[in-house]
Amino acid sequence: AAGGPREEEARPARVPRKLLRRWRRGGRSRAGIPGIGRFCFRRAQRRRDRHSRRGAGTPRRNRGGVPSVEFLNGVPVIGFCGHSGSGKTTIIERVVPRLARRGLAVAYLKHDSHGLQVDREGKDTDRIFKAGARVIAAGSSAEGFLRTHGGQEFVCPPSFAECDIILVEGYKNAPWEKIWVHPHGGGEDAIAADKVIYEVGGRGSLRHDETGQIADQVGYWLVRAMLLKPLYAGILVGGKSARMGRPKALLPAGNATLAEHVYGVVKDCVNRAYLLGSGPLPPSLAEAERIADAPGFEGPLAGLVAAHRFAPDADWLIFAVDMPNIDGGYVGRFARRDPAFRFMGARSEKGLEPLAACYSSQLLARMARGHGGEMSIARLLEKLGIKGDSRLYDAVRLVNVNTPADLKR
């Protein structure tokens, strides 16, 4: 398949009550995923409603509209803007640890209009940079920096793709949503940015010293952002089927083939479904969209990497084609994503079940960059510290058809 995925239709911004209740509990959700803390949803909503009645402090979002969340490498971005000295850096400095304590990996991107100074004049890296090197990266076991030449409005390092949220200071003309920070001390200035959803200070509903509530609003926004992040499905159809002796995708599964059954079940749980690999297919799936395996990789990992490269901003629901017992209710359990989720998959006594799972874009980025030659998905996930959830394991629904004897059962 050439190019990227088609542009998705905007989905409603309303957050399901079950999801809100799950996040308000904090700690660990019922799905076993780390929570991001207790958000003051109802208190914040009452405050917004109160200010709305008197015409002040409400989010500058179109009433009833859909938030225009922007993603960089699959990570939602929210900005903090305001004039110099308004307190943006102080607020971000206090919000970051609150988000980190809730299990979120936070990235920070700053716009420096005064000229960035990260290297000393005359040092080795400075001389090489001025000699024409396109990108300079330096570091130690404690810290490092990345330096590039001009011509880019902002730089997003590849490691940002492994985070849960990107907080941006500045870049007031960027396309993502923003929080506008008025001068500290009760003053108010003209808002010089678009897509401002909240205001701190001035007539806004948030004060500079209410960093806990500001973090709550960022968390609430992140839950909404996750509902807008695309979820695609990939059905692995490129296996060699050596033990079966014939292509698994063409094996019977009731009144259909295995490929038709799995594709029909999975596609109803996602935005779009794709067939991963180059195996033969039944005529009914001749027009289905396919993605060729990524070169340089082997086995199912080649399909996962190809899917991530095709749509790096999306999370991917991955299922093997040889699962005749899966149904929509069971597959839907894997599609429940939380802001801090990395992997939603089953774990049995034998280990992870990597070919019936939901992968975040952050995890797929780590797998593509840091596989280190390991082509086994299960061993690679173990190496990355992924545990899985034993409550998702179902010995009947996760049956694989690998041999003719399995097909007769």
Protein backbone atom coordinates (compact mmCIF):
# COMPACT_ATOMS: atom_id res chain seq x y z
CA ALA A 1 0.00 0.00 0.00
CA ALA A 2 1.35 3.39 -0.94
CA GLY A 3 1.02 6.57 1.05
CA GLY A 4 -0.60 7.01 4.42
CA PRO A 5 -4.08 6.29 5.70
CA ARG A 6 -7.03 8.30 4.57
CA GLU A 7 -8.09 11.22 6.70
CA GLU A 8 -10.54 10.09 9.36
CA GLU A 9 -13.91 11.65 9.91
CA ALA A 10 -14.12 13.62 13.14
CA ARG A 11 -15.64 11.67 15.98
CA PRO A 12 -17.74 13.14 18.79
CA ALA A 13 -15.76 14.68 21.64
CA ARG A 14 -18.05 13.36 24.37
CA VAL A 15 -16.23 11.12 26.83
CA PRO A 16 -18.07 7.91 27.81
CA ARG A 17 -19.09 7.84 31.46
CA LYS A 18 -17.44 4.47 32.04
CA LEU A 19 -14.10 5.87 30.89
CA LEU A 20 -14.44 8.93 33.11
CA ARG A 21 -15.28 6.77 36.13
CA ARG A 22 -12.26 4.59 35.42
CA TRP A 23 -9.92 7.58 35.36
CA ARG A 24 -11.46 9.23 38.41
CA ARG A 25 -10.62 6.12 40.44
CA GLY A 26 -6.91 6.61 39.76
CA GLY A 27 -4.36 3.90 40.54
CA ARG A 28 -4.91 0.93 38.24
CA SER A 29 -7.91 0.53 36.01
CA ARG A 30 -9.88 -2.69 35.77
CA ALA A 31 -7.94 -3.49 32.61
CA GLY A 32 -4.70 -3.50 34.62
CA ILE A 33 -3.34 -0.33 33.02
CA PRO A 34 -1.69 2.36 35.21
CA GLY A 35 -4.12 5.20 35.85
CA ILE A 36 -3.21 8.87 35.73
CA GLY A 37 -4.78 9.92 38.98
CA ARG A 38 -7.98 11.42 40.28
CA PHE A 39 -9.21 14.27 38.10
CA CYS A 40 -11.58 16.84 39.58
CA PHE A 41 -13.98 16.45 36.66
CA ARG A 42 -17.21 17.46 38.33
CA ARG A 43 -15.67 20.32 40.30
CA ALA A 44 -13.98 21.64 37.17
CA GLN A 45 -17.21 21.26 35.20
CA ARG A 46 -19.20 23.16 37.82
CA ARG A 47 -16.60 25.92 37.79
CA ARG A 48 -16.73 26.16 34.00
CA ASP A 49 -20.53 26.25 34.07
CA ARG A 50 -20.51 28.96 36.74
CA HIS A 51 -18.13 31.14 34.76
CA SER A 52 -20.05 30.40 31.57
CA ARG A 53 -23.23 31.85 33.04
CA ARG A 54 -21.46 35.13 33.67
CA GLY A 55 -19.57 35.00 30.37
CA ALA A 56 -16.03 34.48 31.59
CA GLY A 57 -13.44 31.78 31.83
CA THR A 58 -14.99 29.14 29.60
CA PRO A 59 -12.85 27.11 27.22
CA ARG A 60 -12.60 28.76 23.82
CA ARG A 61 -13.67 25.56 22.12
CA ASN A 62 -16.61 25.66 19.76
CA ARG A 63 -19.67 24.67 21.77
CA GLY A 64 -20.63 21.11 20.87
CA GLY A 65 -17.72 20.85 18.46
CA VAL A 66 -14.91 18.35 18.18
CA PRO A 67 -11.52 19.24 19.70
CA SER A 68 -8.83 19.60 17.06
CA VAL A 69 -6.20 17.52 18.81
CA GLU A 70 -2.86 17.39 17.03
CA PHE A 71 -0.44 14.47 17.27
CA LEU A 72 3.33 14.40 16.73
CA ASN A 73 4.56 10.86 16.04
CA GLY A 74 1.36 9.54 17.58
CA VAL A 75 1.67 11.62 20.77
CA PRO A 76 -0.98 14.27 21.61
CA VAL A 77 0.34 17.83 21.90
CA ILE A 78 -0.93 20.70 24.05
CA GLY A 79 0.71 24.11 24.26
CA PHE A 80 1.23 26.73 26.97
CA CYS A 81 1.36 30.23 25.49
CA GLY A 82 1.54 33.74 26.85
CA HIS A 83 3.68 36.83 26.79
CA SER A 84 7.14 36.91 28.34
CA GLY A 85 7.06 36.83 32.14
CA SER A 86 3.51 35.48 32.40
CA GLY A 87 4.61 32.36 34.29
CA LYS A 88 4.42 29.66 31.61
CA THR A 89 7.64 27.93 32.62
CA THR A 90 6.75 27.93 36.32
CA ILE A 91 3.36 26.37 35.64
CA ILE A 92 4.82 23.67 33.38
CA GLU A 93 7.55 22.97 35.95
CA ARG A 94 4.86 22.25 38.56
CA VAL A 95 2.50 20.37 36.24
CA VAL A 96 5.11 17.91 34.89
CA PRO A 97 5.77 16.06 38.19
CA ARG A 98 2.03 15.77 38.82
CA LEU A 99 1.54 14.11 35.44
CA ALA A 100 4.61 11.92 35.95
CA ARG A 101 3.26 10.66 39.28
CA ARG A 102 0.15 9.53 37.41
CA GLY A 103 2.18 7.17 35.25
CA LEU A 104 2.59 9.43 32.21
CA ALA A 105 5.80 9.88 30.23
CA VAL A 106 5.96 13.62 29.54
CA ALA A 107 7.97 15.32 26.78
CA TYR A 108 8.69 19.06 26.80
CA LEU A 109 9.33 21.22 23.76
CA LYS A 110 10.27 24.89 24.11
CA HIS A 111 10.38 27.69 21.57
CA ASP A 112 13.28 30.05 22.26
CA SER A 113 12.87 33.25 20.27
CA HIS A 114 16.08 34.71 21.72
CA GLY A 115 18.41 32.16 20.16
CA LEU A 116 19.14 28.77 21.68
CA GLN A 117 22.51 28.27 23.38
CA VAL A 118 23.20 24.62 24.15
CA ASP A 119 26.84 24.45 23.07
CA ARG A 120 29.88 26.51 23.95
CA GLU A 121 31.69 28.50 21.29
CA GLY A 122 34.76 26.67 20.03
CA LYS A 123 33.98 23.28 21.56
CA ASP A 124 34.30 20.14 19.41
CA THR A 125 30.58 19.74 18.77
CA ASP A 126 30.22 23.46 18.00
CA ARG A 127 33.03 23.36 15.44
CA ILE A 128 31.62 20.25 13.75
CA PHE A 129 28.14 21.79 13.69
CA LYS A 130 29.46 24.96 12.05
CA ALA A 131 31.46 22.83 9.62
CA GLY A 132 28.19 21.64 8.12
CA ALA A 133 26.93 18.65 10.10
CA ARG A 134 23.17 18.46 9.63
CA VAL A 135 22.37 17.19 13.14
CA ILE A 136 24.53 17.14 16.26
CA ALA A 137 23.71 14.91 19.21
CA ALA A 138 25.89 14.69 22.30
CA GLY A 139 25.41 13.28 25.74
CA SER A 140 26.62 11.29 28.69
CA SER A 141 25.03 8.82 31.04
CA ALA A 142 23.32 11.77 32.76
CA GLU A 143 22.07 14.03 29.95
CA GLY A 144 22.34 14.98 26.29
CA PHE A 145 21.19 17.45 23.67
CA LEU A 146 20.16 17.58 20.02
CA ARG A 147 21.14 20.50 17.78
CA THR A 148 19.97 21.14 14.22
CA HIS A 149 20.28 23.91 11.68
CA GLY A 150 17.48 26.40 11.00
CA GLY A 151 14.70 25.91 8.51
CA GLN A 152 12.39 23.90 10.77
CA GLU A 153 9.71 25.58 12.82
CA PHE A 154 10.21 23.04 15.58
CA VAL A 155 12.23 19.88 16.14
CA CYS A 156 10.61 16.71 17.49
CA PRO A 157 13.28 14.12 18.42
CA PRO A 158 12.45 10.47 17.66
CA SER A 159 12.39 9.67 21.39
CA PHE A 160 9.29 11.89 21.73
CA ALA A 161 7.35 9.09 20.00
CA GLU A 162 7.76 6.98 23.15
CA CYS A 163 6.01 9.53 25.43
CA ASP A 164 2.34 9.88 26.38
CA ILE A 165 1.99 13.66 26.03
CA ILE A 166 4.04 16.57 24.68
CA LEU A 167 3.86 19.89 26.54
CA VAL A 168 4.94 22.78 24.33
CA GLU A 169 5.96 26.20 25.60
CA GLY A 170 5.53 28.86 22.98
CA TYR A 171 4.83 28.26 19.28
CA LYS A 172 1.63 30.30 19.58
CA ASN A 173 0.91 29.94 15.84
CA ALA A 174 1.21 26.15 15.83
CA PRO A 175 -1.89 24.08 14.96
CA TRP A 176 -2.37 22.31 18.30
CA GLU A 177 -4.67 23.38 21.15
CA LYS A 178 -3.26 25.69 23.80
CA ILE A 179 -3.61 27.03 27.32
CA TRP A 180 -3.13 30.81 27.45
CA VAL A 181 -1.33 32.16 30.52
CA HIS A 182 -2.15 35.76 31.46
CA PRO A 183 0.34 37.85 33.49
CA HIS A 184 0.68 36.79 37.10
CA GLY A 185 -0.88 39.16 39.61
CA GLY A 186 -4.38 39.64 38.22
CA GLY A 187 -3.59 41.39 34.97
CA GLU A 188 -5.06 40.43 31.63
CA ASP A 189 -3.62 40.75 28.16
CA ALA A 190 -4.94 40.18 24.67
CA ILE A 191 -4.81 36.56 23.54
CA ALA A 192 -2.44 36.37 20.59
CA ALA A 193 -3.00 32.72 19.64
CA ASP A 194 -5.74 30.58 18.16
CA LYS A 195 -7.15 27.27 19.44
CA VAL A 196 -6.98 28.45 23.06
CA ILE A 197 -9.10 26.06 25.12
CA TYR A 198 -8.33 27.30 28.66
CA GLU A 199 -7.03 30.48 30.25
CA VAL A 200 -4.91 30.81 33.38
CA GLY A 201 -5.32 34.14 35.15
CA GLY A 202 -7.25 37.08 33.76
CA ARG A 203 -10.91 36.14 33.41
CA GLY A 204 -10.05 32.46 33.12
CA SER A 205 -11.36 29.82 35.48
CA LEU A 206 -7.85 28.75 36.55
CA ARG A 207 -5.36 30.63 38.73
CA HIS A 208 -1.58 30.51 38.52
CA ASP A 209 -1.22 28.78 41.90
CA GLU A 210 -3.85 26.10 41.09
CA THR A 211 -1.34 23.81 39.43
CA GLY A 212 -3.18 20.73 40.68
CA GLN A 213 -6.33 21.79 38.85
CA ILE A 214 -4.32 22.75 35.77
CA ALA A 215 -2.84 19.24 35.77
CA ASP A 216 -6.38 17.87 36.14
CA GLN A 217 -7.50 19.81 33.08
CA VAL A 218 -4.52 18.54 31.09
CA GLY A 219 -5.40 14.99 32.15
CA TYR A 220 -9.05 15.50 31.22
CA TRP A 221 -7.94 16.85 27.84
CA LEU A 222 -5.66 13.82 27.38
CA VAL A 223 -8.55 11.40 27.91
CA ARG A 224 -10.49 13.22 25.19
CA ALA A 225 -7.42 13.19 22.95
CA MET A 226 -7.12 9.41 23.25
CA LEU A 227 -10.66 9.05 21.91
CA LEU A 228 -9.57 10.92 18.79
CA LYS A 229 -6.37 8.96 18.24
CA PRO A 230 -6.94 6.56 15.33
CA LEU A 231 -7.08 2.85 16.01
CA TYR A 232 -6.34 0.60 13.04
CA ALA A 233 -6.37 -3.17 12.76
CA GLY A 234 -3.82 -5.40 11.09
CA ILE A 235 -4.56 -9.04 10.25
CA LEU A 236 -1.40 -11.05 9.70
CA VAL A 237 -1.85 -13.15 6.54
CA GLY A 238 1.74 -13.61 5.38
CA GLY A 239 2.78 -16.76 7.26
CA LYS A 240 4.36 -19.71 5.43
CA SER A 241 1.90 -22.28 6.91
CA ALA A 242 4.61 -24.96 6.74
CA ARG A 243 2.95 -27.30 9.27
CA MET A 244 -0.51 -26.86 7.74
CA GLY A 245 0.67 -27.46 4.19
CA ARG A 246 -1.66 -24.86 2.65
CA PRO A 247 -2.42 -21.15 3.24
CA LYS A 248 -4.23 -20.61 6.54
CA ALA A 249 -6.16 -17.63 5.17
CA LEU A 250 -8.06 -19.97 2.82
CA LEU A 251 -8.99 -22.59 5.44
CA PRO A 252 -12.72 -23.01 6.17
CA ALA A 253 -14.26 -21.36 9.24
CA GLY A 254 -17.97 -22.14 9.21
CA ASN A 255 -19.50 -20.67 6.08
CA ALA A 256 -16.46 -18.50 5.35
CA THR A 257 -12.69 -18.73 5.25
CA LEU A 258 -10.45 -17.89 8.20
CA ALA A 259 -9.38 -14.63 6.54
CA GLU A 260 -12.99 -13.57 5.96
CA HIS A 261 -13.98 -14.47 9.52
CA VAL A 262 -11.12 -12.66 11.28
CA TYR A 263 -11.29 -9.63 8.99
CA GLY A 264 -15.06 -9.31 9.46
CA VAL A 265 -14.84 -9.52 13.26
CA VAL A 266 -11.89 -7.15 13.73
CA LYS A 267 -12.85 -4.41 11.27
CA ASP A 268 -16.00 -3.57 13.25
CA CYS A 269 -13.89 -2.60 16.30
CA VAL A 270 -11.55 -0.08 14.62
CA ASN A 271 -11.41 2.91 12.28
CA ARG A 272 -9.84 0.96 9.41
CA ALA A 273 -8.61 -2.60 8.89
CA TYR A 274 -5.64 -3.74 6.80
CA LEU A 275 -4.22 -7.09 5.75
CA LEU A 276 -0.53 -7.41 6.64
CA GLY A 277 1.66 -9.55 4.41
CA SER A 278 1.49 -11.08 0.96
CA GLY A 279 -0.28 -14.40 1.45
CA PRO A 280 -3.11 -15.60 -0.83
CA LEU A 281 -6.65 -14.43 -0.03
CA PRO A 282 -10.20 -15.45 -0.92
CA PRO A 283 -11.82 -13.51 -3.80
CA SER A 284 -14.11 -11.61 -1.41
CA LEU A 285 -11.07 -9.84 0.10
CA ALA A 286 -9.42 -8.98 -3.21
CA GLU A 287 -10.25 -5.29 -2.74
CA ALA A 288 -9.19 -5.14 0.92
CA GLU A 289 -6.29 -2.79 1.66
CA ARG A 290 -2.95 -4.51 2.18
CA ILE A 291 0.41 -3.50 3.58
CA ALA A 292 3.55 -5.34 2.50
CA ASP A 293 5.99 -6.62 5.12
CA ALA A 294 8.81 -4.28 6.15
CA PRO A 295 12.16 -5.23 4.57
CA GLY A 296 14.89 -6.30 6.97
CA PHE A 297 12.49 -7.91 9.44
CA GLU A 298 11.26 -11.48 9.75
CA GLY A 299 8.02 -13.17 10.74
CA PRO A 300 5.10 -11.29 12.30
CA LEU A 301 7.44 -8.48 13.42
CA ALA A 302 7.80 -7.50 9.75
CA GLY A 303 4.05 -6.93 9.62
CA LEU A 304 3.97 -4.89 12.84
CA VAL A 305 6.81 -2.63 11.74
CA ALA A 306 5.22 -2.16 8.32
CA ALA A 307 1.92 -1.18 9.95
CA HIS A 308 3.65 1.37 12.20
CA ARG A 309 5.57 2.89 9.30
CA PHE A 310 2.37 3.11 7.27
CA ALA A 311 0.49 4.98 10.04
CA PRO A 312 2.92 6.05 12.80
CA ASP A 313 0.30 8.20 14.55
CA ALA A 314 -2.11 5.29 15.06
CA ASP A 315 -2.44 2.52 17.61
CA TRP A 316 -2.73 -0.93 16.07
CA LEU A 317 -4.94 -3.88 16.95
CA ILE A 318 -3.08 -6.96 15.70
CA PHE A 319 -4.59 -10.41 15.17
CA ALA A 320 -3.28 -13.50 13.42
CA VAL A 321 -5.43 -14.93 10.65
CA ASP A 322 -5.55 -18.44 12.18
CA MET A 323 -7.97 -17.71 15.07
CA PRO A 324 -11.38 -19.21 14.22
CA ASN A 325 -12.96 -18.68 17.67
CA ILE A 326 -12.63 -14.92 18.18
CA ASP A 327 -15.75 -12.76 18.24
CA GLY A 328 -16.53 -9.05 18.40
CA GLY A 329 -17.08 -8.96 22.15
CA TYR A 330 -13.70 -10.51 22.88
CA VAL A 331 -11.81 -8.38 20.34
CA GLY A 332 -13.45 -5.24 21.76
CA ARG A 333 -11.76 -5.88 25.11
CA PHE A 334 -8.38 -5.34 23.46
CA ALA A 335 -9.47 -2.01 21.97
CA ARG A 336 -9.98 -0.26 25.33
CA ARG A 337 -7.17 2.27 25.39
CA ASP A 338 -6.12 4.50 28.26
CA PRO A 339 -3.70 7.47 28.01
CA ALA A 340 -0.86 5.56 29.68
CA PHE A 341 -1.43 2.28 27.83
CA ARG A 342 1.37 0.60 25.89
CA PHE A 343 0.18 -2.96 25.30
CA MET A 344 -3.22 -4.55 25.75
CA GLY A 345 -2.71 -8.27 25.39
CA ALA A 346 -3.26 -11.57 27.13
CA ARG A 347 -0.73 -13.47 29.18
CA SER A 348 -0.98 -17.20 29.79
CA GLU A 349 1.15 -19.55 31.87
CA LYS A 350 3.39 -19.96 28.82
CA GLY A 351 3.90 -16.21 28.36
CA LEU A 352 2.54 -13.36 26.26
CA GLU A 353 0.11 -13.79 23.38
CA PRO A 354 1.55 -11.13 21.03
CA LEU A 355 -0.58 -11.96 17.97
CA ALA A 356 -3.86 -11.04 19.63
CA ALA A 357 -3.15 -7.64 21.16
CA CYS A 358 -3.40 -3.86 20.85
CA TYR A 359 -0.11 -1.97 20.47
CA SER A 360 0.31 1.73 21.13
CA SER A 361 2.21 3.84 18.62
CA GLN A 362 4.75 4.53 21.38
CA LEU A 363 5.48 0.83 21.89
CA LEU A 364 5.68 0.14 18.15
CA ALA A 365 8.20 2.98 17.81
CA ARG A 366 10.37 1.40 20.50
CA MET A 367 10.11 -2.03 18.89
CA ALA A 368 11.07 -0.69 15.46
CA ARG A 369 14.04 1.29 16.80
CA GLY A 370 15.32 -0.98 19.56
CA HIS A 371 14.73 -4.54 18.39
CA GLY A 372 18.50 -5.19 18.34
CA GLY A 373 18.13 -8.02 15.84
CA GLU A 374 15.51 -9.83 17.92
CA MET A 375 12.74 -11.04 15.58
CA SER A 376 10.56 -12.82 18.13
CA ILE A 377 7.79 -10.44 19.20
CA ALA A 378 7.23 -12.24 22.51
CA ARG A 379 10.91 -12.10 23.51
CA LEU A 380 11.18 -8.48 22.35
CA LEU A 381 8.18 -7.49 24.47
CA GLU A 382 9.66 -9.26 27.49
CA LYS A 383 12.92 -7.40 26.87
CA LEU A 384 11.01 -4.09 26.87
CA GLY A 385 9.32 -4.94 30.17
CA ILE A 386 5.82 -5.59 28.79
CA LYS A 387 3.83 -7.86 31.12
CA GLY A 388 0.39 -8.37 29.58
CA ASP A 389 -2.83 -9.14 31.45
CA SER A 390 -3.76 -12.67 32.48
CA ARG A 391 -7.42 -11.61 32.77
CA LEU A 392 -7.57 -11.23 28.98
CA TYR A 393 -6.48 -14.80 28.39
CA ASP A 394 -9.16 -17.10 27.01
CA ALA A 395 -7.93 -20.58 26.11
CA VAL A 396 -10.89 -21.20 23.78
CA ARG A 397 -10.94 -17.95 21.84
CA LEU A 398 -7.15 -17.81 21.44
CA VAL A 399 -6.90 -21.23 19.79
CA ASN A 400 -4.58 -21.22 16.77
CA VAL A 401 -5.01 -23.51 13.77
CA ASN A 402 -1.47 -24.67 12.97
CA THR A 403 -1.83 -28.26 11.76
CA PRO A 404 -4.45 -30.37 9.93
CA ALA A 405 -5.23 -32.01 13.29
CA ASP A 406 -6.10 -28.59 14.77
CA LEU A 407 -8.47 -27.99 11.86
CA LYS A 408 -10.43 -31.18 12.58
CA ARG A 409 -11.10 -30.31 16.22
